[in-house]
Amino acid sequence: MAAIAHVLTLARVAELLGEEEDLLHEISIEMEPEDGVIGVHGVGDDYTPAFTDFGIENLRERIELHKADARRASDVAATKLDPRS
């Protein structure tokens, strides 16, 4: 495995992917360092996840899965509310 030369903060990845930071944070909570995410701690309690290139690819896949799950949940809810079903 090649050495990690740089990481991108959650805010920068959100900008690059055109996604909300809150969504990416929610998804990244389940990621491990092996998935390409690390925690960057600043002064006091300042903290942000940061991603390697591999982590960004993993995050892209997880975003798609998350959105597919949300669509399915929405479809199920709509079906239950539709009296024609």
N, C-alpha and C. Protein backbone atom coordinates (compact mmCIF):
# COMPACT_ATOMS: atom_id res chain seq x y z
N MET A 1 0.85 -1.18 0.00
CA MET A 1 0.00 0.00 0.00
C MET A 1 0.89 1.23 0.00
N ALA A 2 0.55 2.19 -0.82
CA ALA A 2 1.30 3.43 -0.90
C ALA A 2 1.04 4.29 0.33
N ALA A 3 2.03 5.09 0.66
CA ALA A 3 1.87 6.01 1.79
C ALA A 3 0.83 7.07 1.45
N ILE A 4 0.12 7.52 2.46
CA ILE A 4 -0.89 8.56 2.27
C ILE A 4 -0.18 9.90 2.18
N ALA A 5 -0.36 10.60 1.08
CA ALA A 5 0.31 11.88 0.86
C ALA A 5 -0.56 13.07 1.27
N HIS A 6 -1.88 12.88 1.24
CA HIS A 6 -2.79 13.97 1.61
C HIS A 6 -4.16 13.40 1.97
N VAL A 7 -4.92 14.18 2.69
CA VAL A 7 -6.32 13.86 2.98
C VAL A 7 -7.13 15.12 2.74
N LEU A 8 -8.43 14.94 2.52
CA LEU A 8 -9.33 16.07 2.33
C LEU A 8 -10.34 16.08 3.46
N THR A 9 -10.62 17.26 3.99
CA THR A 9 -11.59 17.37 5.08
C THR A 9 -13.00 17.07 4.59
N LEU A 10 -13.85 16.79 5.53
CA LEU A 10 -15.25 16.52 5.23
C LEU A 10 -15.87 17.67 4.45
N ALA A 11 -15.58 18.90 4.85
CA ALA A 11 -16.14 20.07 4.16
C ALA A 11 -15.69 20.12 2.70
N ARG A 12 -14.43 19.82 2.45
CA ARG A 12 -13.91 19.85 1.08
C ARG A 12 -14.51 18.72 0.24
N VAL A 13 -14.65 17.53 0.84
CA VAL A 13 -15.25 16.41 0.11
C VAL A 13 -16.71 16.71 -0.20
N ALA A 14 -17.43 17.30 0.74
CA ALA A 14 -18.83 17.67 0.50
C ALA A 14 -18.91 18.63 -0.69
N GLU A 15 -18.01 19.58 -0.74
CA GLU A 15 -17.98 20.53 -1.86
C GLU A 15 -17.69 19.81 -3.18
N LEU A 16 -16.70 18.93 -3.18
CA LEU A 16 -16.34 18.20 -4.39
C LEU A 16 -17.45 17.30 -4.90
N LEU A 17 -18.16 16.66 -3.97
CA LEU A 17 -19.21 15.71 -4.35
C LEU A 17 -20.58 16.37 -4.51
N GLY A 18 -20.69 17.63 -4.11
CA GLY A 18 -21.98 18.32 -4.20
C GLY A 18 -23.00 17.76 -3.23
N GLU A 19 -22.53 17.36 -2.05
CA GLU A 19 -23.40 16.79 -1.02
C GLU A 19 -23.36 17.65 0.22
N GLU A 20 -24.36 17.47 1.08
CA GLU A 20 -24.41 18.19 2.35
C GLU A 20 -23.41 17.60 3.34
N GLU A 21 -22.75 18.45 4.09
CA GLU A 21 -21.79 17.99 5.09
C GLU A 21 -22.45 17.08 6.12
N ASP A 22 -23.66 17.42 6.54
CA ASP A 22 -24.35 16.60 7.55
C ASP A 22 -24.57 15.18 7.06
N LEU A 23 -24.94 15.03 5.79
CA LEU A 23 -25.13 13.70 5.22
C LEU A 23 -23.83 12.92 5.23
N LEU A 24 -22.75 13.56 4.78
CA LEU A 24 -21.46 12.88 4.74
C LEU A 24 -20.99 12.52 6.14
N HIS A 25 -21.22 13.40 7.09
CA HIS A 25 -20.82 13.09 8.47
C HIS A 25 -21.58 11.87 8.98
N GLU A 26 -22.88 11.85 8.73
CA GLU A 26 -23.72 10.73 9.16
C GLU A 26 -23.22 9.41 8.56
N ILE A 27 -22.91 9.44 7.29
CA ILE A 27 -22.44 8.24 6.60
C ILE A 27 -21.05 7.84 7.08
N SER A 28 -20.18 8.83 7.32
CA SER A 28 -18.79 8.53 7.68
C SER A 28 -18.64 7.96 9.08
N ILE A 29 -19.65 8.13 9.93
CA ILE A 29 -19.57 7.62 11.30
C ILE A 29 -19.32 6.12 11.31
N GLU A 30 -19.87 5.42 10.34
CA GLU A 30 -19.71 3.97 10.28
C GLU A 30 -18.42 3.52 9.61
N MET A 31 -17.65 4.46 9.08
CA MET A 31 -16.40 4.12 8.39
C MET A 31 -15.26 3.97 9.40
N GLU A 32 -14.31 3.12 9.05
CA GLU A 32 -13.13 2.86 9.86
C GLU A 32 -11.89 3.37 9.12
N PRO A 33 -10.77 3.50 9.82
CA PRO A 33 -9.54 3.92 9.13
C PRO A 33 -9.21 3.05 7.91
N GLU A 34 -9.52 1.77 7.97
CA GLU A 34 -9.29 0.87 6.85
C GLU A 34 -10.11 1.25 5.62
N ASP A 35 -11.19 2.02 5.86
CA ASP A 35 -12.06 2.48 4.77
C ASP A 35 -11.58 3.80 4.18
N GLY A 36 -10.51 4.36 4.74
CA GLY A 36 -9.95 5.59 4.20
C GLY A 36 -10.38 6.87 4.89
N VAL A 37 -10.80 6.77 6.15
CA VAL A 37 -11.18 7.96 6.91
C VAL A 37 -10.30 8.06 8.15
N ILE A 38 -9.92 9.27 8.50
CA ILE A 38 -9.19 9.50 9.74
C ILE A 38 -9.82 10.68 10.45
N GLY A 39 -9.62 10.76 11.75
CA GLY A 39 -10.12 11.89 12.52
C GLY A 39 -9.02 12.92 12.67
N VAL A 40 -9.33 14.17 12.37
CA VAL A 40 -8.38 15.25 12.53
C VAL A 40 -8.86 16.11 13.70
N HIS A 41 -8.03 16.19 14.72
CA HIS A 41 -8.37 16.96 15.92
C HIS A 41 -7.62 18.27 15.93
N GLY A 42 -8.33 19.32 16.27
CA GLY A 42 -7.73 20.65 16.35
C GLY A 42 -7.68 21.11 17.79
N VAL A 43 -7.74 22.40 17.97
CA VAL A 43 -7.70 23.00 19.30
C VAL A 43 -9.00 22.71 20.03
N GLY A 44 -8.90 22.40 21.30
CA GLY A 44 -10.09 22.11 22.10
C GLY A 44 -10.80 20.88 21.59
N ASP A 45 -12.09 20.99 21.39
CA ASP A 45 -12.90 19.87 20.92
C ASP A 45 -13.08 19.87 19.41
N ASP A 46 -12.35 20.74 18.71
CA ASP A 46 -12.46 20.83 17.26
C ASP A 46 -12.05 19.51 16.62
N TYR A 47 -12.93 18.95 15.79
CA TYR A 47 -12.70 17.64 15.16
C TYR A 47 -13.40 17.60 13.81
N THR A 48 -12.77 16.99 12.84
CA THR A 48 -13.42 16.73 11.56
C THR A 48 -12.88 15.43 10.97
N PRO A 49 -13.75 14.67 10.31
CA PRO A 49 -13.24 13.53 9.56
C PRO A 49 -12.50 14.04 8.32
N ALA A 50 -11.51 13.28 7.90
CA ALA A 50 -10.79 13.59 6.66
C ALA A 50 -10.63 12.28 5.89
N PHE A 51 -10.57 12.40 4.58
CA PHE A 51 -10.63 11.22 3.72
C PHE A 51 -9.44 11.14 2.77
N THR A 52 -8.93 9.93 2.62
CA THR A 52 -7.94 9.65 1.59
C THR A 52 -8.69 9.51 0.27
N ASP A 53 -7.96 9.37 -0.83
CA ASP A 53 -8.62 9.14 -2.11
C ASP A 53 -9.47 7.87 -2.05
N PHE A 54 -8.93 6.83 -1.41
CA PHE A 54 -9.66 5.57 -1.23
C PHE A 54 -10.92 5.81 -0.40
N GLY A 55 -10.81 6.64 0.62
CA GLY A 55 -11.95 6.95 1.47
C GLY A 55 -13.04 7.69 0.72
N ILE A 56 -12.65 8.57 -0.19
CA ILE A 56 -13.64 9.30 -0.98
C ILE A 56 -14.40 8.34 -1.89
N GLU A 57 -13.70 7.38 -2.47
CA GLU A 57 -14.38 6.38 -3.30
C GLU A 57 -15.34 5.54 -2.45
N ASN A 58 -14.91 5.13 -1.27
CA ASN A 58 -15.80 4.39 -0.37
C ASN A 58 -17.01 5.23 0.01
N LEU A 59 -16.77 6.50 0.27
CA LEU A 59 -17.86 7.40 0.64
C LEU A 59 -18.85 7.54 -0.50
N ARG A 60 -18.37 7.66 -1.74
CA ARG A 60 -19.27 7.75 -2.91
C ARG A 60 -20.19 6.53 -2.96
N GLU A 61 -19.62 5.35 -2.76
CA GLU A 61 -20.43 4.12 -2.78
C GLU A 61 -21.46 4.12 -1.66
N ARG A 62 -21.05 4.56 -0.48
CA ARG A 62 -21.96 4.58 0.67
C ARG A 62 -23.07 5.61 0.48
N ILE A 63 -22.76 6.72 -0.18
CA ILE A 63 -23.78 7.74 -0.47
C ILE A 63 -24.86 7.13 -1.35
N GLU A 64 -24.45 6.43 -2.40
CA GLU A 64 -25.42 5.80 -3.31
C GLU A 64 -26.28 4.78 -2.56
N LEU A 65 -25.67 3.98 -1.71
CA LEU A 65 -26.44 3.00 -0.92
C LEU A 65 -27.40 3.70 0.02
N HIS A 66 -26.93 4.78 0.66
CA HIS A 66 -27.77 5.54 1.59
C HIS A 66 -28.97 6.14 0.86
N LYS A 67 -28.73 6.71 -0.31
CA LYS A 67 -29.83 7.32 -1.07
C LYS A 67 -30.80 6.26 -1.59
N ALA A 68 -30.29 5.10 -1.99
CA ALA A 68 -31.17 4.01 -2.44
C ALA A 68 -32.04 3.53 -1.28
N ASP A 69 -31.45 3.40 -0.10
CA ASP A 69 -32.22 3.00 1.08
C ASP A 69 -33.30 4.03 1.40
N ALA A 70 -32.95 5.31 1.29
CA ALA A 70 -33.92 6.38 1.58
C ALA A 70 -35.05 6.36 0.56
N ARG A 71 -34.73 6.11 -0.72
CA ARG A 71 -35.79 6.02 -1.74
C ARG A 71 -36.73 4.85 -1.46
N ARG A 72 -36.15 3.70 -1.10
CA ARG A 72 -36.98 2.53 -0.79
C ARG A 72 -37.89 2.80 0.39
N ALA A 73 -37.35 3.42 1.43
CA ALA A 73 -38.15 3.74 2.61
C ALA A 73 -39.26 4.71 2.25
N SER A 74 -38.97 5.68 1.40
CA SER A 74 -39.97 6.64 0.97
C SER A 74 -41.06 5.96 0.14
N ASP A 75 -40.65 5.05 -0.74
CA ASP A 75 -41.61 4.32 -1.57
C ASP A 75 -42.53 3.45 -0.71
N VAL A 76 -41.96 2.80 0.30
CA VAL A 76 -42.76 1.97 1.20
C VAL A 76 -43.75 2.82 1.96
N ALA A 77 -43.29 3.97 2.48
CA ALA A 77 -44.17 4.87 3.22
C ALA A 77 -45.29 5.38 2.32
N ALA A 78 -44.97 5.73 1.09
CA ALA A 78 -45.99 6.23 0.16
C ALA A 78 -47.00 5.14 -0.16
N THR A 79 -46.57 3.92 -0.30
CA THR A 79 -47.46 2.80 -0.59
C THR A 79 -48.43 2.57 0.56
N LYS A 80 -47.93 2.71 1.77
CA LYS A 80 -48.78 2.50 2.94
C LYS A 80 -49.83 3.61 3.08
N LEU A 81 -49.50 4.81 2.60
CA LEU A 81 -50.43 5.93 2.70
C LEU A 81 -51.42 5.98 1.54
N ASP A 82 -51.13 5.30 0.45
CA ASP A 82 -51.97 5.32 -0.74
C ASP A 82 -53.14 4.33 -0.56
N PRO A 83 -54.37 4.83 -0.48
CA PRO A 83 -55.51 3.95 -0.26
C PRO A 83 -55.78 2.99 -1.44
N ARG A 84 -55.20 3.28 -2.59
CA ARG A 84 -55.40 2.41 -3.75
C ARG A 84 -54.52 1.16 -3.68
N SER A 85 -53.57 1.10 -2.73
CA SER A 85 -52.67 -0.04 -2.65
C SER A 85 -53.32 -1.20 -1.93
